[in-house]
C-alpha atoms as a PDB file:
ATOM      1  CA  MET A   1      28.217  77.111   6.535  1.00  0.00           C
ATOM      2  CA  LYS A   2      24.980  76.434   4.233  1.00  0.00           C
ATOM      3  CA  ILE A   3      25.434  76.175   0.475  1.00  0.00           C
ATOM      4  CA  ILE A   4      23.904  79.439   0.007  1.00  0.00           C
ATOM      5  CA  SER A   5      26.123  81.319   1.977  1.00  0.00           C
ATOM      6  CA  LYS A   6      28.641  79.689   0.132  1.00  0.00           C
ATOM      7  CA  PHE A   7      27.151  80.775  -2.940  1.00  0.00           C
ATOM      8  CA  TRP A   8      26.513  84.216  -1.729  1.00  0.00           C
ATOM      9  CA  ILE A   9      29.961  84.467  -1.209  1.00  0.00           C
ATOM     10  CA  PHE A  10      32.021  82.827  -4.947  1.00  0.00           C
ATOM     11  CA  ILE A  11      28.702  86.067  -6.402  1.00  0.00           C
ATOM     12  CA  CYS A  12      31.025  88.640  -3.938  1.00  0.00           C
ATOM     13  CA  GLY A  13      34.499  87.296  -5.068  1.00  0.00           C
ATOM     14  CA  LEU A  14      33.742  87.035  -7.842  1.00  0.00           C
ATOM     15  CA  ILE A  15      32.320  90.797  -8.103  1.00  0.00           C
ATOM     16  CA  VAL A  16      35.240  91.950  -5.997  1.00  0.00           C
ATOM     17  CA  LEU A  17      38.069  90.559  -9.079  1.00  0.00           C
ATOM     18  CA  SER A  18      35.370  91.607 -11.853  1.00  0.00           C
ATOM     19  CA  PRO A  19      37.439  95.040 -13.066  1.00  0.00           C
ATOM     20  CA  LEU A  20      40.674  91.992 -13.556  1.00  0.00           C
ATOM     21  CA  GLY A  21      38.726  92.795 -17.034  1.00  0.00           C
ATOM     22  CA  LEU A  22      40.152  96.518 -17.081  1.00  0.00           C
ATOM     23  CA  LEU A  23      43.624  95.479 -14.973  1.00  0.00           C
ATOM     24  CA  LEU A  24      44.461  92.491 -17.180  1.00  0.00           C
ATOM     25  CA  PRO A  25      44.595  93.466 -20.520  1.00  0.00           C
ATOM     26  CA  ASP A  26      46.503  96.503 -19.650  1.00  0.00           C
ATOM     27  CA  HIS A  27      49.110  95.183 -17.685  1.00  0.00           C
ATOM     28  CA  PHE A  28      49.828  93.062 -20.717  1.00  0.00           C
ATOM     29  CA  LYS A  29      49.290  95.531 -23.300  1.00  0.00           C
ATOM     30  CA  ALA A  30      47.116  92.915 -24.478  1.00  0.00           C
ATOM     31  CA  GLY A  31      44.164  95.739 -25.838  1.00  0.00           C
ATOM     32  CA  SER A  32      40.761  95.075 -24.856  1.00  0.00           C
ATOM     33  CA  ALA A  33      39.546  92.243 -23.267  1.00  0.00           C
ATOM     34  CA  TRP A  34      39.077  89.593 -25.208  1.00  0.00           C
ATOM     35  CA  GLY A  35      35.235  89.906 -26.916  1.00  0.00           C
ATOM     36  CA  GLU A  36      34.498  92.916 -25.903  1.00  0.00           C
ATOM     37  CA  TRP A  37      35.434  93.873 -29.297  1.00  0.00           C
ATOM     38  CA  GLY A  38      34.327  96.762 -31.029  1.00  0.00           C
ATOM     39  CA  LEU A  39      33.094  97.461 -34.965  1.00  0.00           C
ATOM     40  CA  ASP A  40      36.505  99.150 -35.237  1.00  0.00           C
ATOM     41  CA  GLU A  41      38.693  96.601 -33.566  1.00  0.00           C
ATOM     42  CA  MET A  42      36.442  93.645 -35.432  1.00  0.00           C
ATOM     43  CA  GLU A  43      37.803  95.118 -38.543  1.00  0.00           C
ATOM     44  CA  GLN A  44      41.667  95.552 -37.225  1.00  0.00           C
ATOM     45  CA  LEU A  45      41.965  92.000 -35.860  1.00  0.00           C
ATOM     46  CA  VAL A  46      39.714  89.709 -38.539  1.00  0.00           C
ATOM     47  CA  GLY A  47      40.440  92.812 -41.471  1.00  0.00           C
ATOM     48  CA  TYR A  48      36.908  93.157 -41.912  1.00  0.00           C
ATOM     49  CA  ILE A  49      33.305  93.527 -39.992  1.00  0.00           C
ATOM     50  CA  PRO A  50      31.095  90.556 -40.604  1.00  0.00           C
ATOM     51  CA  ARG A  51      27.552  91.225 -42.285  1.00  0.00           C
ATOM     52  CA  GLY A  52      25.429  89.937 -39.706  1.00  0.00           C
ATOM     53  CA  LEU A  53      27.133  91.925 -37.069  1.00  0.00           C
ATOM     54  CA  GLU A  54      27.404  94.864 -38.075  1.00  0.00           C
ATOM     55  CA  LYS A  55      23.418  94.843 -39.393  1.00  0.00           C
ATOM     56  CA  LEU A  56      22.605  93.916 -35.315  1.00  0.00           C
ATOM     57  CA  SER A  57      25.915  95.899 -33.982  1.00  0.00           C
ATOM     58  CA  ASN A  58      22.768  99.219 -33.491  1.00  0.00           C
ATOM     59  CA  LEU A  59      20.572  96.726 -32.371  1.00  0.00           C
ATOM     60  CA  TRP A  60      21.313  97.221 -28.713  1.00  0.00           C
ATOM     61  CA  SER A  61      23.652  99.503 -26.297  1.00  0.00           C
ATOM     62  CA  ALA A  62      24.321  98.795 -22.779  1.00  0.00           C
ATOM     63  CA  PRO A  63      22.873 100.927 -20.273  1.00  0.00           C
ATOM     64  CA  PHE A  64      25.908 101.471 -19.424  1.00  0.00           C
ATOM     65  CA  PRO A  65      28.788 101.073 -22.205  1.00  0.00           C
ATOM     66  CA  ASP A  66      31.945  99.940 -20.987  1.00  0.00           C
ATOM     67  CA  TYR A  67      30.914  99.438 -17.376  1.00  0.00           C
ATOM     68  CA  ALA A  68      31.623 102.741 -16.689  1.00  0.00           C
ATOM     69  CA  PHE A  69      29.562 105.542 -16.536  1.00  0.00           C
ATOM     70  CA  LYS A  70      28.828 109.145 -18.181  1.00  0.00           C
ATOM     71  CA  GLY A  71      32.284 111.096 -16.352  1.00  0.00           C
ATOM     72  CA  TRP A  72      33.966 108.217 -15.330  1.00  0.00           C
ATOM     73  CA  GLU A  73      35.925 106.989 -18.006  1.00  0.00           C
ATOM     74  CA  ASP A  74      38.534 109.633 -17.512  1.00  0.00           C
ATOM     75  CA  LYS A  75      38.886 110.146 -13.762  1.00  0.00           C
ATOM     76  CA  GLY A  76      41.145 106.479 -13.535  1.00  0.00           C
ATOM     77  CA  LEU A  77      41.285 103.610 -12.059  1.00  0.00           C
ATOM     78  CA  PHE A  78      39.714 103.510  -8.924  1.00  0.00           C
ATOM     79  CA  PHE A  79      36.809 105.147 -10.440  1.00  0.00           C
ATOM     80  CA  LEU A  80      36.720 102.160 -13.401  1.00  0.00           C
ATOM     81  CA  SER A  81      37.596  99.604 -11.274  1.00  0.00           C
ATOM     82  CA  SER A  82      34.240 100.538  -8.700  1.00  0.00           C
ATOM     83  CA  ALA A  83      32.056 101.072 -12.055  1.00  0.00           C
ATOM     84  CA  TYR A  84      33.090  97.278 -12.756  1.00  0.00           C
ATOM     85  CA  ILE A  85      32.540  96.483  -9.766  1.00  0.00           C
ATOM     86  CA  ILE A  86      29.100  98.621  -9.650  1.00  0.00           C
ATOM     87  CA  SER A  87      27.590  97.180 -12.949  1.00  0.00           C
ATOM     88  CA  ALA A  88      28.215  93.643 -11.676  1.00  0.00           C
ATOM     89  CA  ILE A  89      26.237  94.398  -8.149  1.00  0.00           C
ATOM     90  CA  LEU A  90      23.731  95.216 -10.916  1.00  0.00           C
ATOM     91  CA  GLY A  91      24.287  92.914 -13.130  1.00  0.00           C
ATOM     92  CA  VAL A  92      23.614  90.424  -9.875  1.00  0.00           C
ATOM     93  CA  LEU A  93      20.584  92.560  -8.867  1.00  0.00           C
ATOM     94  CA  VAL A  94      18.199  91.735 -11.928  1.00  0.00           C
ATOM     95  CA  ILE A  95      19.163  88.024 -12.857  1.00  0.00           C
ATOM     96  CA  VAL A  96      18.138  87.558  -9.025  1.00  0.00           C
ATOM     97  CA  LEU A  97      14.521  89.077  -9.917  1.00  0.00           C
ATOM     98  CA  VAL A  98      14.754  88.077 -13.242  1.00  0.00           C
ATOM     99  CA  VAL A  99      14.838  84.652 -11.335  1.00  0.00           C
ATOM    100  CA  MET A 100      12.464  84.899  -8.737  1.00  0.00           C
ATOM    101  CA  GLY A 101      10.153  86.725 -10.793  1.00  0.00           C
ATOM    102  CA  ILE A 102      10.169  83.506 -12.615  1.00  0.00           C
ATOM    103  CA  GLY A 103       9.888  81.897 -10.080  1.00  0.00           C
ATOM    104  CA  LYS A 104       6.518  83.042  -7.942  1.00  0.00           C
ATOM    105  CA  PHE A 105       5.177  82.676 -11.423  1.00  0.00           C
ATOM    106  CA  ILE A 106       5.672  79.001 -11.913  1.00  0.00           C
ATOM    107  CA  ALA A 107       5.039  78.088  -7.924  1.00  0.00           C
ATOM    108  CA  ASN A 108       1.662  80.254  -9.394  1.00  0.00           C
ATOM    109  CA  LYS A 109       0.576  77.618 -11.862  1.00  0.00           C
END
């Protein structure tokens, strides 16, 4: 098996495992996944909101907040897990297209 095939099998495995970010914190009663805190959660954890974080928090809003589509948040674990997988697939596609575009641009120079 070629290394590129192994790579894509590995990436597909990671995509399928992406809902673990949803399941594990819930299973261990840990609250949010590590590093996915909002301003309110950061204030609870640290006791204050860092000035830089507060200033930059409105700079970027995710296309799919919480990796879910509108209306899917309350539909249950199956829909949330599906949204995580779809978001992972879209993320991989965007990265592949950007890297291929950069490669073509560099190859033409």
